[in-house]
Protein backbone atom coordinates (compact mmCIF):
# COMPACT_ATOMS: atom_id res chain seq x y z
CA MET A 1 -69.46 82.25 -56.63
CA PHE A 2 -66.70 83.99 -53.96
CA GLN A 3 -68.68 82.43 -51.22
CA ARG A 4 -69.05 79.14 -52.89
CA MET A 5 -65.19 78.96 -53.38
CA ARG A 6 -64.65 79.97 -49.77
CA ARG A 7 -66.99 77.10 -48.40
CA ILE A 8 -65.00 74.67 -50.85
CA SER A 9 -61.80 75.75 -49.77
CA ALA A 10 -62.69 75.82 -45.88
CA ALA A 11 -64.19 72.10 -46.73
CA ALA A 12 -61.08 70.97 -48.16
CA VAL A 13 -58.91 72.43 -45.43
CA ALA A 14 -61.25 70.64 -42.63
CA VAL A 15 -60.96 67.20 -44.70
CA GLY A 16 -57.12 67.95 -45.06
CA ALA A 17 -56.91 68.40 -41.53
CA VAL A 18 -58.85 65.50 -40.30
CA ILE A 19 -56.53 63.34 -43.09
CA ALA A 20 -53.37 64.86 -41.78
CA GLY A 21 -54.64 64.27 -38.25
CA THR A 22 -55.51 60.61 -38.87
CA ALA A 23 -52.08 60.33 -40.58
CA VAL A 24 -50.22 61.36 -37.34
CA VAL A 25 -52.34 59.35 -35.25
CA ALA A 26 -51.87 56.05 -37.13
CA ALA A 27 -48.14 56.53 -37.65
CA PRO A 28 -46.32 54.02 -35.39
CA ALA A 29 -44.31 55.22 -32.63
CA GLU A 30 -40.51 55.33 -33.02
CA ALA A 31 -39.16 52.41 -30.84
CA ARG A 32 -36.51 53.83 -28.38
CA ALA A 33 -33.60 51.42 -27.85
CA CYS A 34 -32.67 50.46 -24.17
CA HIS A 35 -29.62 49.57 -22.97
CA PRO A 36 -28.26 48.33 -19.58
CA ARG A 37 -25.75 50.53 -17.90
CA ARG A 38 -23.91 48.86 -15.11
CA GLY A 39 -20.58 48.72 -13.53
CA MET A 40 -18.25 48.43 -10.49
CA THR A 41 -15.80 50.45 -8.87
CA LEU A 42 -13.14 50.39 -5.45
CA ALA A 43 -12.76 53.79 -4.05
CA GLY A 44 -11.79 54.48 -0.44
CA GLY A 45 -12.36 50.99 0.72
CA GLN A 46 -15.92 50.57 -0.42
CA LEU A 47 -16.95 48.73 -3.48
CA GLY A 48 -19.84 50.60 -5.31
CA ALA A 49 -21.95 49.22 -8.07
CA TYR A 50 -24.89 50.31 -10.23
CA HIS A 51 -27.33 49.16 -12.81
CA TYR A 52 -29.74 51.16 -14.65
CA LEU A 53 -31.90 50.70 -17.89
CA VAL A 54 -31.44 53.65 -20.05
CA CYS A 55 -34.08 54.32 -22.76
CA GLY A 56 -33.26 57.57 -24.65
CA THR A 57 -33.10 60.41 -22.01
CA GLN A 58 -34.86 58.28 -19.30
CA SER A 59 -32.93 56.18 -16.68
CA THR A 60 -34.60 53.25 -14.66
CA PRO A 61 -32.94 51.93 -11.54
CA GLN A 62 -32.74 48.27 -11.55
CA PRO A 63 -31.92 45.73 -9.18
CA ILE A 64 -28.25 45.09 -8.32
CA GLN A 65 -26.38 42.54 -6.54
CA ILE A 66 -22.54 42.90 -5.24
CA ARG A 67 -21.25 39.08 -4.92
CA ARG A 68 -18.00 37.83 -3.74
CA TYR A 69 -16.52 34.63 -5.08
CA ASP A 70 -15.59 32.25 -2.20
CA GLY A 71 -14.92 29.20 -3.99
CA PRO A 72 -11.43 27.49 -5.62
CA LEU A 73 -9.65 29.16 -8.31
CA PRO A 74 -10.07 29.42 -11.43
CA VAL A 75 -13.39 31.44 -10.97
CA ASN A 76 -16.30 29.60 -11.89
CA PRO A 77 -19.70 31.21 -12.91
CA THR A 78 -21.70 28.35 -10.94
CA GLY A 79 -19.51 28.27 -8.09
CA THR A 80 -19.64 29.56 -4.51
CA TRP A 81 -20.65 33.27 -4.74
CA THR A 82 -22.06 35.34 -1.74
CA THR A 83 -24.24 38.13 -2.15
CA VAL A 84 -22.75 40.79 0.37
CA ALA A 85 -25.12 43.90 -0.76
CA THR A 86 -28.02 44.55 -2.80
CA GLY A 87 -30.13 47.69 -3.85
CA THR A 88 -31.86 49.00 -6.93
CA GLY A 89 -30.00 51.16 -8.89
CA GLY A 90 -27.06 51.18 -6.85
CA ALA A 91 -25.27 49.11 -3.80
CA ASN A 92 -22.28 49.51 -1.72
CA TYR A 93 -19.89 47.50 0.47
CA GLN A 94 -17.54 48.30 2.86
CA CYS A 95 -14.20 46.22 2.76
CA THR A 96 -12.85 44.71 5.81
CA SER A 97 -9.50 44.18 4.40
CA SER A 98 -7.40 44.62 1.54
CA ALA A 99 -6.96 40.71 0.55
CA THR A 100 -7.67 40.25 -3.03
CA LYS A 101 -11.03 38.47 -4.16
CA TYR A 102 -12.97 38.11 -7.31
CA TRP A 103 -16.35 40.21 -7.47
CA SER A 104 -19.20 40.25 -9.67
CA ILE A 105 -22.57 42.10 -10.49
CA GLU A 106 -23.90 39.50 -12.88
CA GLY A 107 -24.09 36.46 -10.79
CA GLY A 108 -20.19 35.13 -11.64
CA TYR A 109 -20.13 36.13 -15.25
CA ASN A 110 -17.62 39.13 -15.57
CA SER A 111 -16.06 38.88 -12.49
CA ARG A 112 -13.52 41.56 -11.65
CA GLN A 113 -10.58 40.94 -9.32
CA PHE A 114 -10.44 43.76 -6.52
CA ALA A 115 -8.34 44.11 -3.21
CA CYS A 116 -11.13 44.01 -0.85
CA THR A 117 -12.91 41.37 1.22
């Protein structure tokens, strides 16, 4: 009788483990929210820009362009923009003077004004 109960218990544990394992495997993976992180700064006569896709604790470098607006004011996103630096994850542009220009890392949208040409 004791051996029979032991076999039944062992079988129940084995079946439970299989069911639990199946439940874990069948459960959908938790989706991680991903967010772009990008920005631009002026320091020491140099424009620096960065662009990463952050998913949880992982950061993946993304293509980036530093663009200067060369068109008439007011700034027009579809106006004349000149790409002065490119990179993956980051890009830098050495300013040649302190004249003020508008700069963008998103093709004209969200442009910022810096004393750099």
